[in-house]
């Protein structure tokens, strides 16, 4: 049985109602001049859309990369995402119980899977990763997330062989995710990738990461300035 919300369940309906109420409350925020804040409303609607996507994908029927938000230029709003190597997962459910809006146990093989990428705080996701006893959860860039999730559809996991300790139990064929997990996903010697937790530098000190972060901040400032100017013209 999957861990997470299920369509039609009371928990699912209650969570959706709470999200809707939050949007309504924020929509009537009044600024110092007594006028409704358009920026607050826009932000509230974005959060509602994000949460609705998570609640609409409780069983992971959609690959998580299809729900990732992007800016007007098609760039993702986040630098890194999470992927579970289900070939190594033992189905302990620790991650799914910690970051419930990100991980769940899929029903076919009982393995953990990331079904949503932007619904839990980074700190909670990191905590969930730390609870994994076999270290099968990785931070990956968006392009690799797409490759890995598409390749996952061809994996053949044999639970019976795994239970009796066969070393070749997980899959019949060599998996691309195995190649990525030993190279790109672990990112042991490629600071050019720009990871926040690059092993070649202190956390957040990778110059490539800092450059990417600064560029994203500048782009965000420009977008907000443009949006603010458009609102003034409309009102």
C-alpha atoms as a PDB file:
ATOM      1  CA  UNK A   1       0.000   0.000   0.000  1.00  0.00           C
ATOM      2  CA  UNK A   2       1.449   3.355  -0.989  1.00  0.00           C
ATOM      3  CA  UNK A   3       2.336   5.893   1.666  1.00  0.00           C
ATOM      4  CA  UNK A   4       0.724   9.271   0.998  1.00  0.00           C
ATOM      5  CA  UNK A   5      -2.626  10.757   0.100  1.00  0.00           C
ATOM      6  CA  UNK A   6      -5.102   8.692  -1.933  1.00  0.00           C
ATOM      7  CA  UNK A   7      -7.753  10.321  -4.087  1.00  0.00           C
ATOM      8  CA  UNK A   8     -11.081  10.297  -2.275  1.00  0.00           C
ATOM      9  CA  UNK A   9      -9.639   9.610   1.169  1.00  0.00           C
ATOM     10  CA  UNK A  10     -10.664  11.966   4.012  1.00  0.00           C
ATOM     11  CA  UNK A  11      -7.051  13.077   4.474  1.00  0.00           C
ATOM     12  CA  UNK A  12      -6.837  14.019   0.799  1.00  0.00           C
ATOM     13  CA  UNK A  13     -10.094  15.991   0.875  1.00  0.00           C
ATOM     14  CA  UNK A  14      -9.154  17.755   4.116  1.00  0.00           C
ATOM     15  CA  UNK A  15      -5.730  18.739   2.800  1.00  0.00           C
ATOM     16  CA  UNK A  16      -7.243  20.129  -0.386  1.00  0.00           C
ATOM     17  CA  UNK A  17      -9.820  22.127   1.583  1.00  0.00           C
ATOM     18  CA  UNK A  18      -7.128  23.546   3.854  1.00  0.00           C
ATOM     19  CA  UNK A  19      -5.093  24.588   0.831  1.00  0.00           C
ATOM     20  CA  UNK A  20      -8.127  26.320  -0.685  1.00  0.00           C
ATOM     21  CA  UNK A  21      -8.819  28.189   2.550  1.00  0.00           C
ATOM     22  CA  UNK A  22      -5.217  29.356   2.650  1.00  0.00           C
ATOM     23  CA  UNK A  23      -5.560  30.789  -0.858  1.00  0.00           C
ATOM     24  CA  UNK A  24      -8.764  32.619   0.095  1.00  0.00           C
ATOM     25  CA  UNK A  25      -7.171  34.097   3.206  1.00  0.00           C
ATOM     26  CA  UNK A  26      -4.131  35.340   1.336  1.00  0.00           C
ATOM     27  CA  UNK A  27      -6.223  36.667  -1.534  1.00  0.00           C
ATOM     28  CA  UNK A  28      -7.803  39.297   0.718  1.00  0.00           C
ATOM     29  CA  UNK A  29      -4.581  40.552   2.262  1.00  0.00           C
ATOM     30  CA  UNK A  30      -4.725  44.328   2.485  1.00  0.00           C
ATOM     31  CA  UNK A  31      -1.605  46.440   2.183  1.00  0.00           C
ATOM     32  CA  UNK A  32      -0.828  49.663   4.053  1.00  0.00           C
ATOM     33  CA  UNK A  33      -2.849  51.759   1.591  1.00  0.00           C
ATOM     34  CA  UNK A  34      -5.946  49.615   1.978  1.00  0.00           C
ATOM     35  CA  UNK A  35      -5.741  47.988  -1.450  1.00  0.00           C
ATOM     36  CA  UNK A  36      -5.566  44.263  -2.156  1.00  0.00           C
ATOM     37  CA  UNK A  37      -2.057  43.016  -2.780  1.00  0.00           C
ATOM     38  CA  UNK A  38      -1.876  41.507  -6.259  1.00  0.00           C
ATOM     39  CA  UNK A  39       1.536  40.016  -5.552  1.00  0.00           C
ATOM     40  CA  UNK A  40       0.181  38.108  -2.529  1.00  0.00           C
ATOM     41  CA  UNK A  41      -2.664  36.736  -4.619  1.00  0.00           C
ATOM     42  CA  UNK A  42      -0.318  35.601  -7.393  1.00  0.00           C
ATOM     43  CA  UNK A  43       1.959  33.872  -4.876  1.00  0.00           C
ATOM     44  CA  UNK A  44      -1.020  32.213  -3.180  1.00  0.00           C
ATOM     45  CA  UNK A  45      -2.299  30.861  -6.481  1.00  0.00           C
ATOM     46  CA  UNK A  46       1.147  29.504  -7.331  1.00  0.00           C
ATOM     47  CA  UNK A  47       1.276  27.645  -4.021  1.00  0.00           C
ATOM     48  CA  UNK A  48      -2.235  26.312  -4.554  1.00  0.00           C
ATOM     49  CA  UNK A  49      -1.290  25.021  -8.004  1.00  0.00           C
ATOM     50  CA  UNK A  50       1.846  23.367  -6.631  1.00  0.00           C
ATOM     51  CA  UNK A  51      -0.031  21.689  -3.778  1.00  0.00           C
ATOM     52  CA  UNK A  52      -2.868  20.621  -6.067  1.00  0.00           C
ATOM     53  CA  UNK A  53      -0.364  18.891  -8.345  1.00  0.00           C
ATOM     54  CA  UNK A  54       1.058  16.963  -5.398  1.00  0.00           C
ATOM     55  CA  UNK A  55      -2.399  15.894  -4.242  1.00  0.00           C
ATOM     56  CA  UNK A  56      -3.376  14.952  -7.798  1.00  0.00           C
ATOM     57  CA  UNK A  57      -0.416  12.565  -8.076  1.00  0.00           C
ATOM     58  CA  UNK A  58      -0.676  10.587  -4.815  1.00  0.00           C
ATOM     59  CA  UNK A  59       0.304   7.260  -6.361  1.00  0.00           C
ATOM     60  CA  UNK A  60       3.106   8.593  -8.521  1.00  0.00           C
ATOM     61  CA  UNK A  61       1.303   7.848 -11.778  1.00  0.00           C
ATOM     62  CA  UNK A  62       3.120  10.796 -13.345  1.00  0.00           C
ATOM     63  CA  UNK A  63       6.930  11.064 -13.335  1.00  0.00           C
ATOM     64  CA  UNK A  64       7.891  13.798 -10.887  1.00  0.00           C
ATOM     65  CA  UNK A  65       9.816  15.745 -13.557  1.00  0.00           C
ATOM     66  CA  UNK A  66       6.539  16.441 -15.372  1.00  0.00           C
ATOM     67  CA  UNK A  67       5.311  18.420 -12.347  1.00  0.00           C
ATOM     68  CA  UNK A  68       8.438  20.549 -11.892  1.00  0.00           C
ATOM     69  CA  UNK A  69       7.735  24.280 -12.168  1.00  0.00           C
ATOM     70  CA  UNK A  70       9.643  26.414 -14.655  1.00  0.00           C
ATOM     71  CA  UNK A  71      10.019  30.128 -15.263  1.00  0.00           C
ATOM     72  CA  UNK A  72       9.053  32.044 -18.394  1.00  0.00           C
ATOM     73  CA  UNK A  73      12.312  30.995 -20.062  1.00  0.00           C
ATOM     74  CA  UNK A  74      11.713  27.321 -19.417  1.00  0.00           C
ATOM     75  CA  UNK A  75      14.318  27.119 -16.644  1.00  0.00           C
ATOM     76  CA  UNK A  76      13.527  25.156 -13.489  1.00  0.00           C
ATOM     77  CA  UNK A  77      13.087  27.185 -10.308  1.00  0.00           C
ATOM     78  CA  UNK A  78      15.289  24.764  -8.363  1.00  0.00           C
ATOM     79  CA  UNK A  79      18.851  23.632  -9.029  1.00  0.00           C
ATOM     80  CA  UNK A  80      18.594  20.050  -7.815  1.00  0.00           C
ATOM     81  CA  UNK A  81      16.008  17.336  -7.401  1.00  0.00           C
ATOM     82  CA  UNK A  82      15.758  13.954  -5.698  1.00  0.00           C
ATOM     83  CA  UNK A  83      15.762  10.501  -7.244  1.00  0.00           C
ATOM     84  CA  UNK A  84      15.453   7.098  -5.563  1.00  0.00           C
ATOM     85  CA  UNK A  85      17.443   4.233  -7.073  1.00  0.00           C
ATOM     86  CA  UNK A  86      14.718   1.633  -6.674  1.00  0.00           C
ATOM     87  CA  UNK A  87      17.119  -1.172  -7.556  1.00  0.00           C
ATOM     88  CA  UNK A  88      18.865  -0.594  -4.230  1.00  0.00           C
ATOM     89  CA  UNK A  89      15.823   0.456  -2.173  1.00  0.00           C
ATOM     90  CA  UNK A  90      14.772  -2.075   0.495  1.00  0.00           C
ATOM     91  CA  UNK A  91      11.321  -0.564   1.090  1.00  0.00           C
ATOM     92  CA  UNK A  92      11.960   0.571   4.664  1.00  0.00           C
ATOM     93  CA  UNK A  93       9.562   3.576   4.218  1.00  0.00           C
ATOM     94  CA  UNK A  94      11.739   5.904   6.358  1.00  0.00           C
ATOM     95  CA  UNK A  95      11.926   8.606   3.668  1.00  0.00           C
ATOM     96  CA  UNK A  96       8.187   8.376   2.931  1.00  0.00           C
ATOM     97  CA  UNK A  97       7.344   8.795   6.599  1.00  0.00           C
ATOM     98  CA  UNK A  98       9.682  11.788   6.957  1.00  0.00           C
ATOM     99  CA  UNK A  99       9.031  13.812   3.779  1.00  0.00           C
ATOM    100  CA  UNK A 100       5.477  12.685   3.009  1.00  0.00           C
ATOM    101  CA  UNK A 101       4.902  15.218   0.235  1.00  0.00           C
ATOM    102  CA  UNK A 102       7.978  14.076  -1.674  1.00  0.00           C
ATOM    103  CA  UNK A 103       8.364  10.304  -1.220  1.00  0.00           C
ATOM    104  CA  UNK A 104       5.966   7.365  -1.117  1.00  0.00           C
ATOM    105  CA  UNK A 105       6.111   3.574  -1.504  1.00  0.00           C
ATOM    106  CA  UNK A 106       4.909   2.523  -4.938  1.00  0.00           C
ATOM    107  CA  UNK A 107       2.494  -0.405  -4.920  1.00  0.00           C
ATOM    108  CA  UNK A 108       4.015  -2.760  -7.502  1.00  0.00           C
ATOM    109  CA  UNK A 109       7.344  -3.462  -5.803  1.00  0.00           C
ATOM    110  CA  UNK A 110       7.062  -1.646  -2.471  1.00  0.00           C
ATOM    111  CA  UNK A 111      10.009   0.620  -3.238  1.00  0.00           C
ATOM    112  CA  UNK A 112      10.339   4.293  -2.365  1.00  0.00           C
ATOM    113  CA  UNK A 113       9.845   6.847  -5.127  1.00  0.00           C
ATOM    114  CA  UNK A 114       9.861  10.632  -5.398  1.00  0.00           C
ATOM    115  CA  UNK A 115       6.426  11.587  -6.709  1.00  0.00           C
ATOM    116  CA  UNK A 116       6.726  15.359  -6.209  1.00  0.00           C
ATOM    117  CA  UNK A 117       9.799  17.585  -6.160  1.00  0.00           C
ATOM    118  CA  UNK A 118       8.732  20.913  -4.667  1.00  0.00           C
ATOM    119  CA  UNK A 119       6.331  20.237  -1.800  1.00  0.00           C
ATOM    120  CA  UNK A 120       8.688  19.737   1.167  1.00  0.00           C
ATOM    121  CA  UNK A 121      11.374  22.094   2.552  1.00  0.00           C
ATOM    122  CA  UNK A 122      14.945  21.270   1.555  1.00  0.00           C
ATOM    123  CA  UNK A 123      15.830  20.636   5.200  1.00  0.00           C
ATOM    124  CA  UNK A 124      13.097  18.006   5.528  1.00  0.00           C
ATOM    125  CA  UNK A 125      14.164  16.304   2.298  1.00  0.00           C
ATOM    126  CA  UNK A 126      17.764  16.183   3.512  1.00  0.00           C
ATOM    127  CA  UNK A 127      16.544  14.660   6.770  1.00  0.00           C
ATOM    128  CA  UNK A 128      14.606  12.030   4.825  1.00  0.00           C
ATOM    129  CA  UNK A 129      17.694  11.182   2.777  1.00  0.00           C
ATOM    130  CA  UNK A 130      19.730  10.787   5.956  1.00  0.00           C
ATOM    131  CA  UNK A 131      17.244   8.206   7.262  1.00  0.00           C
ATOM    132  CA  UNK A 132      17.856   5.870   4.303  1.00  0.00           C
ATOM    133  CA  UNK A 133      19.782   2.815   5.589  1.00  0.00           C
ATOM    134  CA  UNK A 134      21.153   1.893   2.150  1.00  0.00           C
ATOM    135  CA  UNK A 135      21.866   5.418   0.795  1.00  0.00           C
ATOM    136  CA  UNK A 136      19.803   4.962  -2.359  1.00  0.00           C
ATOM    137  CA  UNK A 137      18.459   8.550  -2.623  1.00  0.00           C
ATOM    138  CA  UNK A 138      20.420  11.111  -4.610  1.00  0.00           C
ATOM    139  CA  UNK A 139      20.335  14.786  -5.557  1.00  0.00           C
ATOM    140  CA  UNK A 140      20.384  15.153  -9.342  1.00  0.00           C
ATOM    141  CA  UNK A 141      20.016  18.020 -11.847  1.00  0.00           C
ATOM    142  CA  UNK A 142      16.795  18.246 -13.841  1.00  0.00           C
ATOM    143  CA  UNK A 143      18.126  16.812 -17.100  1.00  0.00           C
ATOM    144  CA  UNK A 144      19.347  13.673 -15.335  1.00  0.00           C
ATOM    145  CA  UNK A 145      16.091  13.375 -13.404  1.00  0.00           C
ATOM    146  CA  UNK A 146      14.262  13.159 -16.736  1.00  0.00           C
ATOM    147  CA  UNK A 147      16.635  10.463 -18.026  1.00  0.00           C
ATOM    148  CA  UNK A 148      16.457   8.417 -14.841  1.00  0.00           C
ATOM    149  CA  UNK A 149      12.685   8.531 -14.503  1.00  0.00           C
ATOM    150  CA  UNK A 150      12.174   7.595 -18.142  1.00  0.00           C
ATOM    151  CA  UNK A 151      14.671   4.737 -17.841  1.00  0.00           C
ATOM    152  CA  UNK A 152      12.981   3.524 -14.655  1.00  0.00           C
ATOM    153  CA  UNK A 153       9.979   2.413 -16.708  1.00  0.00           C
ATOM    154  CA  UNK A 154      12.081  -0.373 -18.276  1.00  0.00           C
ATOM    155  CA  UNK A 155      13.438  -1.759 -15.001  1.00  0.00           C
ATOM    156  CA  UNK A 156      12.364  -5.244 -13.966  1.00  0.00           C
ATOM    157  CA  UNK A 157      12.618  -5.674 -10.195  1.00  0.00           C
ATOM    158  CA  UNK A 158      12.418  -9.279  -8.960  1.00  0.00           C
ATOM    159  CA  UNK A 159      11.382  -9.187  -5.316  1.00  0.00           C
ATOM    160  CA  UNK A 160      11.429 -12.973  -4.824  1.00  0.00           C
ATOM    161  CA  UNK A 161      15.063 -13.292  -5.838  1.00  0.00           C
ATOM    162  CA  UNK A 162      15.954 -10.265  -3.749  1.00  0.00           C
ATOM    163  CA  UNK A 163      14.389 -11.816  -0.644  1.00  0.00           C
ATOM    164  CA  UNK A 164      16.569 -14.923  -0.942  1.00  0.00           C
ATOM    165  CA  UNK A 165      19.699 -12.834  -1.369  1.00  0.00           C
ATOM    166  CA  UNK A 166      20.479 -13.128  -5.067  1.00  0.00           C
ATOM    167  CA  UNK A 167      23.074 -10.589  -6.159  1.00  0.00           C
ATOM    168  CA  UNK A 168      21.370 -10.242  -9.553  1.00  0.00           C
ATOM    169  CA  UNK A 169      17.866  -9.923  -8.163  1.00  0.00           C
ATOM    170  CA  UNK A 170      17.047  -6.360  -9.016  1.00  0.00           C
ATOM    171  CA  UNK A 171      17.066  -6.384 -12.788  1.00  0.00           C
ATOM    172  CA  UNK A 172      17.870  -8.573 -15.742  1.00  0.00           C
ATOM    173  CA  UNK A 173      19.730  -5.930 -17.678  1.00  0.00           C
ATOM    174  CA  UNK A 174      22.360  -3.314 -16.950  1.00  0.00           C
ATOM    175  CA  UNK A 175      20.560  -0.186 -15.792  1.00  0.00           C
ATOM    176  CA  UNK A 176      21.380   3.361 -16.835  1.00  0.00           C
ATOM    177  CA  UNK A 177      20.551   4.458 -13.315  1.00  0.00           C
ATOM    178  CA  UNK A 178      23.394   2.266 -12.046  1.00  0.00           C
ATOM    179  CA  UNK A 179      25.809   4.043 -14.368  1.00  0.00           C
ATOM    180  CA  UNK A 180      24.539   7.441 -13.282  1.00  0.00           C
ATOM    181  CA  UNK A 181      24.585   6.508  -9.609  1.00  0.00           C
ATOM    182  CA  UNK A 182      28.287   5.701  -9.801  1.00  0.00           C
ATOM    183  CA  UNK A 183      29.184   8.786 -11.820  1.00  0.00           C
ATOM    184  CA  UNK A 184      26.839  11.713 -12.324  1.00  0.00           C
ATOM    185  CA  UNK A 185      24.544  11.164  -9.368  1.00  0.00           C
ATOM    186  CA  UNK A 186      27.294  10.806  -6.782  1.00  0.00           C
ATOM    187  CA  UNK A 187      29.183  13.718  -8.357  1.00  0.00           C
ATOM    188  CA  UNK A 188      32.483  12.817  -6.660  1.00  0.00           C
ATOM    189  CA  UNK A 189      34.914  14.794  -8.811  1.00  0.00           C
ATOM    190  CA  UNK A 190      33.098  17.223 -11.085  1.00  0.00           C
ATOM    191  CA  UNK A 191      32.817  20.666  -9.420  1.00  0.00           C
ATOM    192  CA  UNK A 192      31.842  22.107 -12.805  1.00  0.00           C
ATOM    193  CA  UNK A 193      28.370  20.645 -12.324  1.00  0.00           C
ATOM    194  CA  UNK A 194      27.692  23.335  -9.747  1.00  0.00           C
ATOM    195  CA  UNK A 195      26.235  21.246  -6.913  1.00  0.00           C
ATOM    196  CA  UNK A 196      25.550  22.997  -3.618  1.00  0.00           C
ATOM    197  CA  UNK A 197      27.132  20.131  -1.642  1.00  0.00           C
ATOM    198  CA  UNK A 198      30.128  19.573  -3.911  1.00  0.00           C
ATOM    199  CA  UNK A 199      32.700  17.342  -2.136  1.00  0.00           C
ATOM    200  CA  UNK A 200      35.477  19.491  -3.586  1.00  0.00           C
ATOM    201  CA  UNK A 201      34.317  22.555  -1.588  1.00  0.00           C
ATOM    202  CA  UNK A 202      32.443  23.420   1.578  1.00  0.00           C
ATOM    203  CA  UNK A 203      28.651  23.281   1.440  1.00  0.00           C
ATOM    204  CA  UNK A 204      27.401  26.125  -0.740  1.00  0.00           C
ATOM    205  CA  UNK A 205      30.933  27.312  -1.598  1.00  0.00           C
ATOM    206  CA  UNK A 206      31.337  25.761  -5.031  1.00  0.00           C
ATOM    207  CA  UNK A 207      32.087  28.770  -7.309  1.00  0.00           C
ATOM    208  CA  UNK A 208      30.065  27.224 -10.130  1.00  0.00           C
ATOM    209  CA  UNK A 209      27.098  26.864  -7.774  1.00  0.00           C
ATOM    210  CA  UNK A 210      27.466  30.447  -6.525  1.00  0.00           C
ATOM    211  CA  UNK A 211      27.579  31.751 -10.103  1.00  0.00           C
ATOM    212  CA  UNK A 212      24.428  29.819 -11.040  1.00  0.00           C
ATOM    213  CA  UNK A 213      22.689  31.024  -7.883  1.00  0.00           C
ATOM    214  CA  UNK A 214      23.565  34.662  -8.586  1.00  0.00           C
ATOM    215  CA  UNK A 215      22.363  34.374 -12.186  1.00  0.00           C
ATOM    216  CA  UNK A 216      19.057  32.909 -11.013  1.00  0.00           C
ATOM    217  CA  UNK A 217      18.616  35.711  -8.463  1.00  0.00           C
ATOM    218  CA  UNK A 218      19.205  38.368 -11.125  1.00  0.00           C
ATOM    219  CA  UNK A 219      16.710  36.685 -13.435  1.00  0.00           C
ATOM    220  CA  UNK A 220      14.149  36.534 -10.619  1.00  0.00           C
ATOM    221  CA  UNK A 221      14.652  40.240  -9.819  1.00  0.00           C
ATOM    222  CA  UNK A 222      14.181  41.178 -13.464  1.00  0.00           C
ATOM    223  CA  UNK A 223      11.006  39.086 -13.699  1.00  0.00           C
ATOM    224  CA  UNK A 224       9.532  40.668 -10.548  1.00  0.00           C
ATOM    225  CA  UNK A 225      10.383  44.152 -11.813  1.00  0.00           C
ATOM    226  CA  UNK A 226       8.706  43.419 -15.133  1.00  0.00           C
ATOM    227  CA  UNK A 227       5.647  41.964 -13.378  1.00  0.00           C
ATOM    228  CA  UNK A 228       5.418  44.992 -11.084  1.00  0.00           C
ATOM    229  CA  UNK A 229       5.565  47.337 -14.063  1.00  0.00           C
ATOM    230  CA  UNK A 230       2.786  45.419 -15.815  1.00  0.00           C
ATOM    231  CA  UNK A 231       0.553  45.709 -12.740  1.00  0.00           C
ATOM    232  CA  UNK A 232       1.039  49.476 -12.581  1.00  0.00           C
ATOM    233  CA  UNK A 233      -0.006  49.770 -16.214  1.00  0.00           C
ATOM    234  CA  UNK A 234      -3.133  47.654 -15.606  1.00  0.00           C
ATOM    235  CA  UNK A 235      -4.242  49.562 -12.519  1.00  0.00           C
END
